Protein backbone atom coordinates (compact mmCIF):
# COMPACT_ATOMS: atom_id res chain seq x y z
CA MET A 1 19.13 -22.47 -1.76
CA PRO A 2 18.43 -18.56 -0.42
CA THR A 3 15.51 -16.45 -0.39
CA THR A 4 16.18 -12.63 -1.01
CA ALA A 5 14.83 -9.44 1.22
CA TYR A 6 13.01 -8.87 -1.59
CA ALA A 7 11.84 -12.06 -1.91
CA LEU A 8 10.21 -12.30 1.66
CA VAL A 9 8.68 -9.13 1.29
CA SER A 10 6.84 -9.64 -2.40
CA GLN A 11 5.48 -13.29 -0.44
CA VAL A 12 4.21 -11.20 2.69
CA ARG A 13 2.50 -8.29 -0.04
CA PHE A 14 0.89 -11.03 -1.83
CA ARG A 15 -0.25 -12.48 0.78
CA GLU A 16 -1.48 -9.87 2.37
CA LEU A 17 -3.09 -7.95 -0.85
CA LYS A 18 -6.85 -9.45 -0.84
CA THR A 19 -6.40 -7.40 3.34
CA ARG A 20 -5.42 -4.51 1.76
CA ILE A 21 -7.95 -4.84 -1.17
CA GLY A 22 -10.48 -5.04 1.29
CA LEU A 23 -9.60 -2.84 3.61
CA ALA A 24 -9.45 -0.06 1.27
CA ALA A 25 -13.13 -0.93 0.46
CA PHE A 26 -14.22 -0.02 4.16
CA ILE A 27 -11.83 2.79 3.80
CA GLY A 28 -13.71 4.12 0.43
CA VAL A 29 -16.89 3.82 2.26
CA THR A 30 -16.20 4.50 5.49
CA ALA A 31 -14.44 8.18 4.12
CA TRP A 32 -17.60 8.01 1.43
CA PHE A 33 -20.23 7.70 4.66
CA PHE A 34 -18.23 10.96 6.10
CA ALA A 35 -17.99 12.91 3.09
CA PRO A 36 -19.75 11.72 -0.04
CA SER A 37 -18.59 13.04 -2.88
CA PRO A 38 -17.12 10.25 -6.15
CA TRP A 39 -13.27 10.70 -4.53
CA PRO A 40 -14.14 7.80 -2.03
CA PHE A 41 -14.57 5.69 -5.22
CA LEU A 42 -11.96 6.79 -7.74
CA TRP A 43 -9.21 6.96 -5.14
CA PHE A 44 -10.02 3.09 -4.55
CA VAL A 45 -10.01 2.64 -7.94
CA ALA A 46 -6.91 4.76 -7.40
CA VAL A 47 -5.74 1.85 -4.75
CA LEU A 48 -6.91 -1.04 -7.43
CA VAL A 49 -4.37 0.57 -9.75
CA THR A 50 -1.17 0.86 -7.71
CA GLN A 51 -1.87 -3.32 -5.91
CA ILE A 52 -2.40 -4.33 -9.14
CA ALA A 53 1.21 -2.58 -10.23
CA ASP A 54 3.02 -3.62 -6.67
CA TRP A 55 1.38 -6.52 -7.55
CA ALA A 56 3.30 -7.70 -11.77
CA VAL A 57 6.03 -5.88 -10.12
CA PHE A 58 6.80 -8.07 -7.00
CA ARG A 59 6.04 -11.18 -9.37
CA ARG A 60 9.05 -11.53 -10.69
CA PHE A 61 10.90 -12.36 -7.14
CA ARG A 62 8.22 -14.65 -6.30
CA MET A 63 8.51 -16.81 -9.27
CA ASN A 64 12.61 -17.02 -8.63
CA PRO A 65 13.06 -16.64 -5.33
CA GLU A 66 16.68 -16.97 -5.12
CA TRP A 67 16.89 -14.21 -8.01
CA VAL A 68 19.24 -10.74 -7.04
CA PRO A 69 17.42 -7.84 -8.91
CA ASP A 70 19.80 -5.13 -10.37
CA ARG A 71 20.01 -1.73 -9.73
CA PRO A 72 17.21 -0.30 -11.99
CA TYR A 73 14.66 -3.54 -10.83
CA VAL A 74 14.72 -2.66 -7.28
CA ILE A 75 14.68 1.47 -8.14
CA LEU A 76 11.52 0.46 -9.54
CA SER A 77 9.71 -1.82 -6.70
CA CYS A 78 10.77 0.95 -4.36
CA ALA A 79 8.95 3.29 -7.05
CA VAL A 80 6.12 1.34 -7.06
CA THR A 81 5.81 0.53 -3.27
CA ALA A 82 5.82 4.28 -3.21
CA ALA A 83 2.66 5.30 -5.43
CA GLY A 84 1.51 2.95 -3.56
CA VAL A 85 1.48 3.68 -0.28
CA ALA A 86 1.22 7.46 -1.36
CA VAL A 87 -2.39 7.08 -3.17
CA TYR A 88 -3.31 4.18 -0.16
CA SER A 89 -2.68 6.77 2.44
CA GLY A 90 -4.07 9.90 0.17
CA ILE A 91 -7.59 9.52 1.38
CA ALA A 92 -6.62 10.69 5.28
CA ALA A 93 -5.61 14.22 3.16
CA TRP A 94 -9.17 14.30 1.45
CA LEU A 95 -11.30 12.93 5.25
CA TRP A 96 -8.81 15.33 6.73
CA PHE A 97 -10.36 18.39 4.39
CA SER A 98 -13.75 17.80 3.48
CA GLY A 99 -14.40 15.15 6.63
CA GLY A 100 -14.79 17.11 9.53
CA GLU A 101 -14.12 16.50 12.79
CA ILE A 102 -14.61 11.96 12.74
CA GLY A 103 -12.85 12.41 9.14
CA ARG A 104 -9.82 13.71 11.12
CA ALA A 105 -9.97 11.25 13.64
CA PHE A 106 -10.34 8.19 10.98
CA ALA A 107 -7.64 10.67 9.24
CA LEU A 108 -5.49 10.01 12.07
CA VAL A 109 -6.20 6.41 12.39
CA GLN A 110 -5.88 5.91 9.44
CA ILE A 111 -1.89 6.73 8.86
CA ALA A 112 -0.81 5.64 12.10
CA GLY A 113 -2.28 1.86 11.10
CA GLY A 114 -0.11 2.98 7.94
CA LEU A 115 3.22 3.80 9.91
CA LEU A 116 2.36 0.11 12.37
CA HIS A 117 1.91 -1.89 8.97
CA VAL A 118 5.33 -0.63 7.52
CA SER A 119 7.09 -0.65 10.37
CA LEU A 120 6.20 -4.35 10.99
CA HIS A 121 7.93 -5.29 7.58
CA MET A 122 11.03 -3.06 6.99
CA HIS A 123 13.65 -5.76 8.92
CA HIS A 124 12.44 -7.74 5.36
CA ALA A 125 13.93 -4.95 3.31
CA ARG A 126 14.00 -1.67 4.73
CA ALA A 127 14.55 -0.23 1.09
CA ILE A 128 11.22 -1.19 -0.06
CA LEU A 129 9.44 -0.15 2.66
CA VAL A 130 11.30 3.58 4.16
């Protein structure tokens, strides 16, 4: 029974879900510390929404690892992943403009960490992670 690359990505994303949410909480608290405002909290809520959407879309791959998705489902998977990445990294732009010198440094570290994370998983299913 071969497992599709999408199923491998979904298993890794599911396994790392708690880590992504925990890291988002840390990033949000840090962002609030550098530039107190309601935006870090709202950003964290948006992260939770995109992570739930990611969990729901990729659940189908986890439940049936041999399932080969049709083109619309691949597009949906890519769109959900792209939305999650955009929201997750969006706090960096806010920190860049509102967090002063330290906020800019933290924003760079956060973006670099995100790029490293994606590059570690890219070999499984490039379309989803590009």
